[in-house]
Amino acid sequence: MSKNLFWYTIKEELPVQKEGEEKKYKETKAAFNVDNIIRVVTLGDKIVVLLNDIHERLENSYKGTKNGKPVYVKERNTFQSEISLSLEDAKRLEEVTLIN
């Protein structure tokens, strides 16, 4: 395992069980290698980290119907990891990656 992992928290809002009930969240820990960061961007109230893991995936894409049946076509799409950090995690990332 890499020594350059940065651990952060993914906070996922759970559906409200009862009207007027306080929001609940499921928290999951995740990590990425700081050596793979190519850009960090502030977008409104969130920080987005872009990684240099550009890759292609072959996916089935819905194209409509033919003779009443759904038609799918295989498409090759390019993806890149885009990680949203909380402001607290972003501050920690800045501290561990700051170049003096």
Protein backbone atom coordinates (compact mmCIF):
# COMPACT_ATOMS: atom_id res chain seq x y z
CA MET A 1 0.00 0.00 0.00
CA SER A 2 1.19 3.48 -0.82
CA LYS A 3 2.52 5.76 1.91
CA ASN A 4 1.15 8.76 0.01
CA LEU A 5 -2.54 8.11 0.61
CA PHE A 6 -4.78 10.92 1.73
CA TRP A 7 -7.84 9.69 3.64
CA TYR A 8 -11.07 11.68 3.45
CA THR A 9 -14.73 11.24 4.38
CA ILE A 10 -17.58 10.77 1.93
CA LYS A 11 -20.79 12.03 3.49
CA GLU A 12 -23.94 10.67 1.81
CA GLU A 13 -27.32 12.07 2.80
CA LEU A 14 -29.85 9.37 3.72
CA PRO A 15 -33.51 9.69 2.75
CA VAL A 16 -35.70 11.34 5.40
CA GLN A 17 -37.67 8.67 7.28
CA LYS A 18 -40.26 10.99 8.87
CA GLU A 19 -41.45 14.46 7.95
CA GLY A 20 -39.61 17.14 9.96
CA GLU A 21 -36.88 14.68 11.03
CA GLU A 22 -33.30 15.91 11.10
CA LYS A 23 -31.16 14.88 8.11
CA LYS A 24 -29.00 11.82 8.65
CA TYR A 25 -25.81 10.92 6.84
CA LYS A 26 -23.85 7.77 6.07
CA GLU A 27 -20.11 8.35 6.33
CA THR A 28 -17.57 6.30 4.40
CA LYS A 29 -13.79 6.59 4.47
CA ALA A 30 -11.88 6.64 1.16
CA ALA A 31 -8.36 7.52 0.03
CA PHE A 32 -6.39 8.58 -3.02
CA ASN A 33 -2.67 8.85 -3.76
CA VAL A 34 -1.55 12.49 -3.52
CA ASP A 35 1.07 11.80 -6.22
CA ASN A 36 -1.83 11.48 -8.71
CA ILE A 37 -3.25 14.97 -8.16
CA ILE A 38 -3.09 17.18 -11.24
CA ARG A 39 -5.41 19.98 -10.13
CA VAL A 40 -7.42 21.19 -7.14
CA VAL A 41 -10.29 23.58 -7.88
CA THR A 42 -12.70 25.52 -5.67
CA LEU A 43 -16.22 25.35 -7.08
CA GLY A 44 -18.61 27.33 -4.92
CA ASP A 45 -18.62 25.78 -1.48
CA LYS A 46 -16.76 22.60 -2.42
CA ILE A 47 -13.22 21.63 -3.35
CA VAL A 48 -12.72 19.28 -6.31
CA VAL A 49 -9.55 17.20 -6.73
CA LEU A 50 -8.73 15.93 -10.24
CA LEU A 51 -6.50 12.87 -10.58
CA ASN A 52 -4.32 11.79 -13.51
CA ASP A 53 -6.12 8.48 -13.96
CA ILE A 54 -7.72 9.18 -17.34
CA HIS A 55 -9.17 5.94 -18.67
CA GLU A 56 -11.70 4.62 -21.16
CA ARG A 57 -14.76 2.48 -20.48
CA LEU A 58 -16.98 0.62 -22.89
CA GLU A 59 -20.61 1.26 -21.89
CA ASN A 60 -24.05 0.38 -23.20
CA SER A 61 -25.90 3.54 -24.15
CA TYR A 62 -29.68 3.66 -24.68
CA LYS A 63 -30.54 4.88 -28.20
CA GLY A 64 -34.31 4.46 -28.27
CA THR A 65 -36.62 1.65 -29.35
CA LYS A 66 -36.98 -0.47 -32.46
CA ASN A 67 -40.00 -2.71 -32.93
CA GLY A 68 -41.03 -1.97 -29.35
CA LYS A 69 -37.71 -3.16 -27.89
CA PRO A 70 -35.01 -0.97 -26.31
CA VAL A 71 -31.91 -0.47 -28.46
CA TYR A 72 -28.48 -0.11 -26.85
CA VAL A 73 -25.19 0.73 -28.54
CA LYS A 74 -21.71 0.21 -27.14
CA GLU A 75 -19.90 3.53 -26.66
CA ARG A 76 -16.33 4.16 -25.63
CA ASN A 77 -16.20 7.03 -23.10
CA THR A 78 -13.27 8.72 -21.39
CA PHE A 79 -13.34 9.27 -17.63
CA GLN A 80 -11.19 10.89 -14.95
CA SER A 81 -11.54 10.71 -11.17
CA GLU A 82 -13.06 13.86 -9.74
CA ILE A 83 -13.24 13.84 -5.93
CA SER A 84 -15.27 16.36 -3.93
CA LEU A 85 -13.82 17.18 -0.53
CA SER A 86 -15.43 18.80 2.47
CA LEU A 87 -13.84 22.10 3.51
CA GLU A 88 -12.33 20.34 6.54
CA ASP A 89 -10.70 17.62 4.40
CA ALA A 90 -9.57 20.24 1.85
CA LYS A 91 -7.77 22.18 4.60
CA ARG A 92 -5.96 18.98 5.69
CA LEU A 93 -5.01 18.24 2.06
CA GLU A 94 -3.59 21.74 1.68
CA GLU A 95 -1.49 21.30 4.84
CA VAL A 96 0.00 17.94 3.75
CA THR A 97 0.73 19.01 0.15
CA LEU A 98 1.90 22.60 0.67
CA ILE A 99 5.26 23.26 -0.97
CA ASN A 100 7.49 25.67 0.94
